[in-house]
Amino acid sequence: MMGPLVRRGTIMKLILCAALAAMTTMAGAAVNRCVDTDGRVLYTDSDCPDGSEAQADPVEHIAADAPVPAAPRSRWADLAPRKAVNVDAATLKTAYETMQVQDELHKQRLASAR
């Protein structure tokens, strides 16, 4: 009984993947802007019809890797890492002391069990 359900689920996943792959091919399609002699604009994904001419894309494209200006440093910028180190050192010291106390308790329990 589980076999047909598994196969049906697998087939549905395969169909979904194929549909998604087919849609991605359409995402890269070019759009042409055609203007006829009367000034009417037509957007199409095929060639412009007779009597109209294609116009260039008016959008200015910016490079994706444009450098980001660095933010100015403040006097507080180095304070946070120093505080984090101090907190970590205090935490480690407390943890070490706690482990030593627990170790002593275990030693006492082992000695009393003998």
Foldseek 3Di string as FASTA:
>chain_A
DVVVVVVVVVVVVVVVVVVVVVVVVVVPQDWWWKAAPVGDIDIDSDDDDPRIDTDDDPDDDDDPPDDDDDDDDDPCPVVVVVVVVVVVVVVVVVVVVVVVVVVVVVVVVVVVVD
